């Protein structure tokens, strides 16, 4: 992009990168990679953090272990992967892991490789001077109820015991389990990116949003239809898409989201108050409301301390365990379920990893990196 964007009428000094879900994790990782410093000026993170959260991100040792376990489970090795049809690899993978995306998602998780990521992003410093737009959906990778109770869930986070559990119970006393789970597994760690980026320097904007259509029931990925706006309305009538994303967004919501994203890419300001004021934009079906959204329940410091204590792999395992149980039907959810979409995402993640792995083995000067890592972007 830096070398060629001017030939397409673009400005190499006005580059915005963004992604959703695993794409957001990748965007977050690039925000912390020394190799990308100065290559972009703005970043948008939609429903995904590279800090300890529902999204896996491995140390080098964890990545090697996951890779070796995967190869052993599917009984395929390097030469086999080069010739086997993608459908066969996906089928064998799903069979090997009993269709449990809790484990399948580990296969293609990004990891420390010593070059692009010299350490876990939470241990690296975000790039200074990069404008950030970060957010989630209102029912983002979450569950409606915690089957074994809140205390059991909190106990898995180590330091969340005793008075901290009491504090958590009081903070969420008037709210359902979804808010507690969502803060612990994605929301606080997404807001933490804004907080840490704000600490490294001024001169750039940091903005928070929540996609809330339908109200408190917008599933993971539903905001993409509004951001891109290129909806195939006929296809959207299919039960599969309705299960994945809920109802299609109104035209007015599409216009509001696109206007904000374009304004941010052009100027670094999407049109509402900086997140450091505690404010954020809530994109409802019929209107956008700017209100206090940062650390809404005052618990993010507790969640951050707990997550750092148990580590990214443990947090990912805890959060995906509860999310998978919910999507498998053990927890009641709103009227839509995004379980089919996650299986598709897991399959895509797997194919991307295999494609990257084979390409990198052929790339001169990268054989050592390829042999030692499973990082993908």
Protein backbone atom coordinates (compact mmCIF):
# COMPACT_ATOMS: atom_id res chain seq x y z
CA UNK A 1 0.00 0.00 0.00
CA UNK A 2 2.76 2.45 0.93
CA UNK A 3 4.59 1.85 -2.36
CA UNK A 4 1.67 1.86 -4.77
CA UNK A 5 -1.43 3.56 -3.37
CA UNK A 6 -0.53 6.94 -4.92
CA UNK A 7 -0.91 5.35 -8.38
CA UNK A 8 -4.56 4.75 -7.52
CA UNK A 9 -5.13 8.30 -6.29
CA UNK A 10 -4.49 7.43 -2.65
CA UNK A 11 -2.33 9.12 -0.04
CA UNK A 12 0.32 6.91 1.62
CA UNK A 13 0.10 9.22 4.63
CA UNK A 14 -3.63 8.59 5.05
CA UNK A 15 -3.80 4.81 5.36
CA UNK A 16 -6.54 3.20 7.46
CA UNK A 17 -6.52 -0.51 8.23
CA UNK A 18 -9.47 -2.31 9.75
CA UNK A 19 -10.95 -5.71 10.39
CA UNK A 20 -13.78 -7.54 12.11
CA UNK A 21 -13.51 -10.55 14.44
CA UNK A 22 -10.24 -12.35 13.56
CA UNK A 23 -9.54 -9.41 11.23
CA UNK A 24 -9.84 -7.11 14.23
CA UNK A 25 -7.38 -9.28 16.17
CA UNK A 26 -4.97 -9.03 13.24
CA UNK A 27 -5.43 -5.25 13.03
CA UNK A 28 -4.78 -5.03 16.77
CA UNK A 29 -1.63 -7.15 16.41
CA UNK A 30 -0.36 -4.94 13.58
CA UNK A 31 -0.94 -1.92 15.82
CA UNK A 32 1.67 -3.42 18.18
CA UNK A 33 4.13 -4.90 15.67
CA UNK A 34 7.46 -3.04 15.37
CA UNK A 35 7.55 -4.11 11.72
CA UNK A 36 4.48 -1.99 10.85
CA UNK A 37 5.36 1.26 12.61
CA UNK A 38 4.63 4.24 10.37
CA UNK A 39 2.82 2.22 7.70
CA UNK A 40 -0.69 3.34 8.66
CA UNK A 41 -2.24 6.31 10.44
CA UNK A 42 -5.61 4.94 11.54
CA UNK A 43 -7.05 1.61 12.62
CA UNK A 44 -10.58 0.28 13.19
CA UNK A 45 -11.10 -2.72 15.47
CA UNK A 46 -14.52 -4.36 15.20
CA UNK A 47 -15.28 -7.10 17.73
CA UNK A 48 -11.83 -8.48 18.39
CA UNK A 49 -8.86 -7.75 20.67
CA UNK A 50 -5.28 -9.06 20.66
CA UNK A 51 -5.20 -8.79 24.47
CA UNK A 52 -6.28 -11.69 26.75
CA UNK A 53 -9.89 -12.28 25.66
CA UNK A 54 -12.12 -14.74 23.87
CA UNK A 55 -9.77 -14.48 20.88
CA UNK A 56 -6.79 -16.81 21.15
CA UNK A 57 -3.30 -15.48 20.63
CA UNK A 58 -0.39 -17.81 21.38
CA UNK A 59 3.13 -17.62 22.65
CA UNK A 60 5.62 -19.35 20.36
CA UNK A 61 5.64 -22.47 22.54
CA UNK A 62 1.84 -22.67 22.65
CA UNK A 63 1.68 -22.28 18.87
CA UNK A 64 4.15 -25.09 18.28
CA UNK A 65 2.19 -27.35 20.61
CA UNK A 66 -1.11 -26.53 18.86
CA UNK A 67 0.48 -27.16 15.45
CA UNK A 68 1.97 -30.51 16.43
CA UNK A 69 -1.30 -31.60 18.05
CA UNK A 70 -3.19 -30.65 14.91
CA UNK A 71 -0.91 -32.53 12.53
CA UNK A 72 -1.07 -35.61 14.73
CA UNK A 73 -4.86 -35.51 15.00
CA UNK A 74 -5.53 -35.31 11.27
CA UNK A 75 -2.71 -37.73 10.34
CA UNK A 76 -1.50 -35.39 7.61
CA UNK A 77 1.94 -33.93 7.12
CA UNK A 78 3.56 -31.24 4.99
CA UNK A 79 3.48 -32.97 1.61
CA UNK A 80 -0.07 -34.17 2.18
CA UNK A 81 -1.23 -30.65 2.92
CA UNK A 82 0.10 -29.44 -0.41
CA UNK A 83 -2.04 -31.84 -2.41
CA UNK A 84 -5.12 -32.55 -0.29
CA UNK A 85 -8.36 -30.73 -1.26
CA UNK A 86 -9.36 -28.03 1.21
CA UNK A 87 -12.71 -29.75 1.76
CA UNK A 88 -10.96 -32.91 2.92
CA UNK A 89 -8.71 -31.03 5.32
CA UNK A 90 -11.67 -29.19 6.83
CA UNK A 91 -13.65 -32.44 7.13
CA UNK A 92 -10.77 -34.29 8.81
CA UNK A 93 -10.20 -31.37 11.14
CA UNK A 94 -13.83 -31.16 12.24
CA UNK A 95 -13.88 -34.92 12.78
CA UNK A 96 -10.62 -34.86 14.73
CA UNK A 97 -11.96 -32.20 17.09
CA UNK A 98 -15.52 -33.60 17.20
CA UNK A 99 -16.85 -30.44 15.57
CA UNK A 100 -15.90 -28.39 18.64
CA UNK A 101 -14.77 -24.99 17.38
CA UNK A 102 -13.38 -24.34 20.88
CA UNK A 103 -10.42 -26.44 19.76
CA UNK A 104 -10.63 -25.85 16.01
CA UNK A 105 -10.14 -22.10 16.46
CA UNK A 106 -6.79 -22.78 18.11
CA UNK A 107 -5.45 -24.26 14.88
CA UNK A 108 -5.27 -20.91 13.08
CA UNK A 109 -4.71 -18.55 16.01
CA UNK A 110 -2.02 -15.87 15.54
CA UNK A 111 1.13 -16.28 17.59
CA UNK A 112 4.43 -14.78 18.61
CA UNK A 113 7.02 -15.50 15.91
CA UNK A 114 9.93 -13.34 17.04
CA UNK A 115 9.78 -11.08 13.98
CA UNK A 116 6.33 -9.69 13.21
CA UNK A 117 5.32 -10.23 16.83
CA UNK A 118 8.39 -10.37 19.09
CA UNK A 119 6.11 -10.84 22.11
CA UNK A 120 2.43 -11.03 23.02
CA UNK A 121 0.77 -7.72 22.01
CA UNK A 122 -0.26 -7.00 25.59
CA UNK A 123 3.47 -6.87 26.42
CA UNK A 124 4.25 -4.55 23.49
CA UNK A 125 3.59 -0.83 23.12
CA UNK A 126 0.89 0.34 20.68
CA UNK A 127 2.11 2.65 17.93
CA UNK A 128 2.06 6.30 18.90
CA UNK A 129 -0.03 8.75 16.91
CA UNK A 130 -2.47 6.25 15.39
CA UNK A 131 -6.16 7.22 15.46
CA UNK A 132 -8.33 4.38 16.77
CA UNK A 133 -11.99 3.46 16.32
CA UNK A 134 -12.83 0.43 18.45
CA UNK A 135 -16.12 -1.27 19.23
CA UNK A 136 -18.32 -4.32 19.67
CA UNK A 137 -21.89 -5.42 19.01
CA UNK A 138 -24.42 -5.54 21.85
CA UNK A 139 -24.61 -9.35 21.88
CA UNK A 140 -21.05 -9.96 20.75
CA UNK A 141 -19.72 -13.49 21.30
CA UNK A 142 -21.74 -13.79 24.45
CA UNK A 143 -24.30 -15.84 26.32
CA UNK A 144 -27.49 -14.89 28.12
CA UNK A 145 -26.97 -16.90 31.28
CA UNK A 146 -24.09 -18.64 33.03
CA UNK A 147 -25.25 -22.18 33.88
CA UNK A 148 -23.09 -22.83 36.97
CA UNK A 149 -23.53 -19.37 38.39
CA UNK A 150 -21.45 -16.22 38.30
CA UNK A 151 -19.18 -17.19 41.19
CA UNK A 152 -18.03 -20.35 39.40
CA UNK A 153 -17.30 -18.36 36.24
CA UNK A 154 -15.43 -15.65 38.15
CA UNK A 155 -13.40 -18.21 40.11
CA UNK A 156 -11.84 -19.42 36.84
CA UNK A 157 -10.14 -16.03 36.54
CA UNK A 158 -7.92 -16.61 39.58
CA UNK A 159 -7.77 -13.26 41.45
CA UNK A 160 -11.54 -12.75 41.16
CA UNK A 161 -12.24 -14.18 44.59
CA UNK A 162 -13.36 -12.85 47.95
CA UNK A 163 -14.04 -9.11 47.95
CA UNK A 164 -13.50 -8.91 44.19
CA UNK A 165 -16.35 -11.36 43.60
CA UNK A 166 -18.54 -9.28 45.88
CA UNK A 167 -17.59 -6.17 43.91
CA UNK A 168 -18.46 -7.92 40.67
CA UNK A 169 -21.81 -9.13 42.00
CA UNK A 170 -22.67 -5.61 43.10
CA UNK A 171 -21.58 -4.06 39.81
CA UNK A 172 -23.77 -6.36 37.74
CA UNK A 173 -26.59 -6.83 40.26
CA UNK A 174 -29.19 -5.12 38.08
CA UNK A 175 -27.97 -6.63 34.82
CA UNK A 176 -28.06 -10.06 33.25
CA UNK A 177 -25.12 -12.43 32.87
CA UNK A 178 -24.50 -11.27 29.31
CA UNK A 179 -22.97 -8.00 30.48
CA UNK A 180 -20.69 -9.74 32.97
CA UNK A 181 -19.53 -12.28 30.41
CA UNK A 182 -19.09 -9.69 27.68
CA UNK A 183 -16.97 -7.40 29.87
CA UNK A 184 -14.71 -10.27 30.93
CA UNK A 185 -14.33 -11.86 27.51
CA UNK A 186 -14.18 -9.02 24.99
CA UNK A 187 -15.43 -5.55 25.93
CA UNK A 188 -12.92 -4.56 28.64
CA UNK A 189 -9.96 -5.90 26.65
CA UNK A 190 -11.11 -3.97 23.57
CA UNK A 191 -11.39 -0.78 25.61
CA UNK A 192 -7.99 -1.55 27.10
CA UNK A 193 -6.45 -1.12 23.64
CA UNK A 194 -7.79 2.45 23.63
CA UNK A 195 -6.49 3.06 27.15
CA UNK A 196 -2.98 1.79 26.45
CA UNK A 197 -2.76 3.60 23.12
CA UNK A 198 -3.79 6.85 24.84
CA UNK A 199 -0.95 6.46 27.34
CA UNK A 200 1.83 6.45 24.73
CA UNK A 201 1.18 9.94 23.38
CA UNK A 202 -1.32 12.60 22.40
CA UNK A 203 -2.23 14.05 19.03
CA UNK A 204 -4.50 11.24 17.89
CA UNK A 205 -8.15 10.41 18.46
CA UNK A 206 -9.50 7.35 20.26
CA UNK A 207 -13.17 6.48 19.77
CA UNK A 208 -15.52 3.79 21.10
CA UNK A 209 -18.79 2.53 19.61
CA UNK A 210 -21.38 -0.18 20.10
CA UNK A 211 -23.56 -1.61 17.33
CA UNK A 212 -26.97 -2.11 18.93
CA UNK A 213 -29.45 -3.25 16.30
CA UNK A 214 -31.52 -5.10 17.47
CA UNK A 215 -31.26 -3.55 20.96
CA UNK A 216 -29.05 -5.67 23.26
CA UNK A 217 -29.30 -8.49 20.71
CA UNK A 218 -26.93 -7.60 17.83
CA UNK A 219 -24.89 -10.77 17.20
CA UNK A 220 -21.23 -11.02 16.30
CA UNK A 221 -20.65 -9.83 12.73
CA UNK A 222 -24.01 -8.13 12.32
CA UNK A 223 -22.36 -4.70 12.04
CA UNK A 224 -20.61 -5.73 8.82
CA UNK A 225 -23.84 -5.48 6.86
CA UNK A 226 -24.19 -1.84 7.93
CA UNK A 227 -20.52 -0.93 7.40
CA UNK A 228 -20.34 -2.28 3.85
CA UNK A 229 -23.97 -1.78 2.90
CA UNK A 230 -23.71 -4.09 -0.11
CA UNK A 231 -26.41 -6.43 1.10
CA UNK A 232 -27.84 -9.09 -1.16
CA UNK A 233 -31.37 -8.63 0.15
CA UNK A 234 -32.65 -11.79 -1.49
CA UNK A 235 -29.88 -13.87 0.09
CA UNK A 236 -30.53 -12.15 3.41
CA UNK A 237 -33.99 -13.76 3.46
CA UNK A 238 -32.35 -17.16 3.95
CA UNK A 239 -32.77 -18.78 7.40
CA UNK A 240 -28.99 -19.36 7.51
CA UNK A 241 -28.15 -15.65 7.35
CA UNK A 242 -30.97 -14.75 9.69
CA UNK A 243 -29.54 -17.22 12.21
CA UNK A 244 -26.04 -15.79 11.80
CA UNK A 245 -26.71 -12.06 11.74
CA UNK A 246 -30.29 -11.38 12.80
CA UNK A 247 -32.49 -9.03 10.72
CA UNK A 248 -30.92 -6.79 8.05
CA UNK A 249 -30.06 -3.24 9.19
CA UNK A 250 -32.35 -0.37 8.15
CA UNK A 251 -31.12 1.90 5.36
CA UNK A 252 -30.75 4.81 7.79
CA UNK A 253 -28.43 2.77 10.02
CA UNK A 254 -26.29 1.82 7.02
CA UNK A 255 -26.00 5.51 6.08
CA UNK A 256 -25.00 6.51 9.64
CA UNK A 257 -22.39 3.77 9.99
CA UNK A 258 -20.83 4.41 6.59
CA UNK A 259 -20.70 8.16 7.18
CA UNK A 260 -18.87 7.62 10.48
CA UNK A 261 -16.37 5.14 9.02
CA UNK A 262 -15.62 7.37 6.02
CA UNK A 263 -15.25 10.46 8.22
CA UNK A 264 -12.83 8.59 10.47
CA UNK A 265 -10.76 7.39 7.51
CA UNK A 266 -10.59 10.94 6.11
CA UNK A 267 -10.00 12.97 9.26
CA UNK A 268 -9.51 10.60 12.19
CA UNK A 269 -12.78 11.80 13.76
CA UNK A 270 -15.99 9.74 13.30
CA UNK A 271 -18.17 12.50 14.72
CA UNK A 272 -18.54 11.96 18.46
CA UNK A 273 -16.60 12.58 21.68
CA UNK A 274 -13.21 10.99 22.31
CA UNK A 275 -13.33 7.77 24.36
CA UNK A 276 -11.10 9.34 27.00
CA UNK A 277 -14.14 11.42 28.02
CA UNK A 278 -15.90 8.13 28.85
CA UNK A 279 -18.31 8.57 25.96
CA UNK A 280 -19.08 6.36 22.98
CA UNK A 281 -21.59 6.09 20.15
CA UNK A 282 -24.41 3.55 20.33
CA UNK A 283 -25.70 2.74 16.85
CA UNK A 284 -29.34 1.77 17.31
CA UNK A 285 -31.71 0.70 14.56
CA UNK A 286 -33.31 4.16 14.34
CA UNK A 287 -30.81 6.57 15.86
CA UNK A 288 -27.26 7.03 17.14
CA UNK A 289 -26.87 8.03 20.78
CA UNK A 290 -23.66 9.39 22.30
CA UNK A 291 -23.53 8.35 25.96
CA UNK A 292 -21.18 7.00 28.67
CA UNK A 293 -20.06 3.60 27.39
CA UNK A 294 -16.45 3.25 28.52
CA UNK A 295 -16.12 0.82 31.45
CA UNK A 296 -19.84 1.13 31.98
CA UNK A 297 -19.89 -1.07 35.09
CA UNK A 298 -16.59 0.12 36.58
CA UNK A 299 -15.06 -3.37 36.55
CA UNK A 300 -12.50 -3.29 33.73
CA UNK A 301 -9.54 -2.84 36.08
CA UNK A 302 -10.56 -6.01 37.94
CA UNK A 303 -11.01 -7.93 34.68
CA UNK A 304 -7.66 -6.71 33.35
CA UNK A 305 -5.79 -7.75 36.49
CA UNK A 306 -7.44 -11.16 36.47
CA UNK A 307 -6.80 -11.76 32.76
CA UNK A 308 -3.14 -10.84 33.07
CA UNK A 309 -2.83 -13.20 36.01
CA UNK A 310 -4.18 -16.31 34.29
CA UNK A 311 -2.80 -15.46 30.82
CA UNK A 312 -4.22 -15.22 27.27
CA UNK A 313 -4.51 -18.98 26.66
CA UNK A 314 -6.50 -19.52 29.86
CA UNK A 315 -8.81 -16.56 29.18
CA UNK A 316 -9.44 -17.80 25.65
CA UNK A 317 -10.24 -21.28 26.94
CA UNK A 318 -12.61 -20.00 29.64
CA UNK A 319 -14.49 -17.65 27.34
CA UNK A 320 -14.81 -20.02 24.40
CA UNK A 321 -15.92 -22.84 26.70
CA UNK A 322 -18.92 -20.82 27.85
CA UNK A 323 -19.62 -19.42 24.37
CA UNK A 324 -19.52 -22.89 22.81
CA UNK A 325 -21.86 -24.26 25.47
CA UNK A 326 -24.29 -21.47 24.72
CA UNK A 327 -24.22 -22.03 20.98
CA UNK A 328 -24.58 -25.77 21.42
CA UNK A 329 -27.84 -25.12 23.24
CA UNK A 330 -26.80 -25.44 26.88
CA UNK A 331 -27.47 -21.75 27.50
CA UNK A 332 -30.53 -19.83 26.40
CA UNK A 333 -29.82 -17.07 23.92
CA UNK A 334 -31.88 -14.39 22.13
CA UNK A 335 -34.02 -15.41 19.19
CA UNK A 336 -31.03 -15.83 16.88
CA UNK A 337 -27.91 -17.97 17.15
CA UNK A 338 -24.58 -17.36 15.42
CA UNK A 339 -23.35 -20.95 15.89
CA UNK A 340 -23.40 -21.73 12.11
CA UNK A 341 -21.38 -18.61 11.43
CA UNK A 342 -18.69 -19.58 13.91
CA UNK A 343 -18.28 -22.98 12.26
CA UNK A 344 -17.83 -21.22 8.92
CA UNK A 345 -15.31 -18.84 10.50
CA UNK A 346 -13.42 -21.76 12.01
CA UNK A 347 -13.23 -23.48 8.63
CA UNK A 348 -12.03 -20.28 6.94
CA UNK A 349 -9.45 -19.75 9.69
CA UNK A 350 -8.19 -23.29 9.19
CA UNK A 351 -7.89 -22.97 5.41
CA UNK A 352 -6.10 -19.61 5.79
CA UNK A 353 -3.58 -21.14 8.18
CA UNK A 354 -2.84 -24.04 5.84
CA UNK A 355 -2.51 -21.68 2.87
CA UNK A 356 -0.14 -19.41 4.81
CA UNK A 357 1.89 -22.34 6.12
CA UNK A 358 2.50 -23.78 2.66
CA UNK A 359 3.27 -20.41 1.06
CA UNK A 360 5.71 -19.42 3.79
CA UNK A 361 7.62 -22.68 3.45
CA UNK A 362 8.33 -21.80 -0.18
CA UNK A 363 9.29 -18.19 0.54
CA UNK A 364 13.05 -17.59 0.53
CA UNK A 365 14.37 -16.39 3.86
CA UNK A 366 11.24 -17.35 5.79
CA UNK A 367 11.67 -21.08 6.21
CA UNK A 368 12.83 -20.78 9.81
CA UNK A 369 9.93 -18.51 10.70
CA UNK A 370 7.50 -20.87 8.97
CA UNK A 371 8.89 -23.89 10.77
CA UNK A 372 8.58 -22.20 14.16
CA UNK A 373 5.25 -20.36 14.03
CA UNK A 374 1.64 -20.32 12.95
CA UNK A 375 1.10 -16.59 12.74
CA UNK A 376 -1.37 -15.55 10.01
CA UNK A 377 -2.55 -12.20 8.66
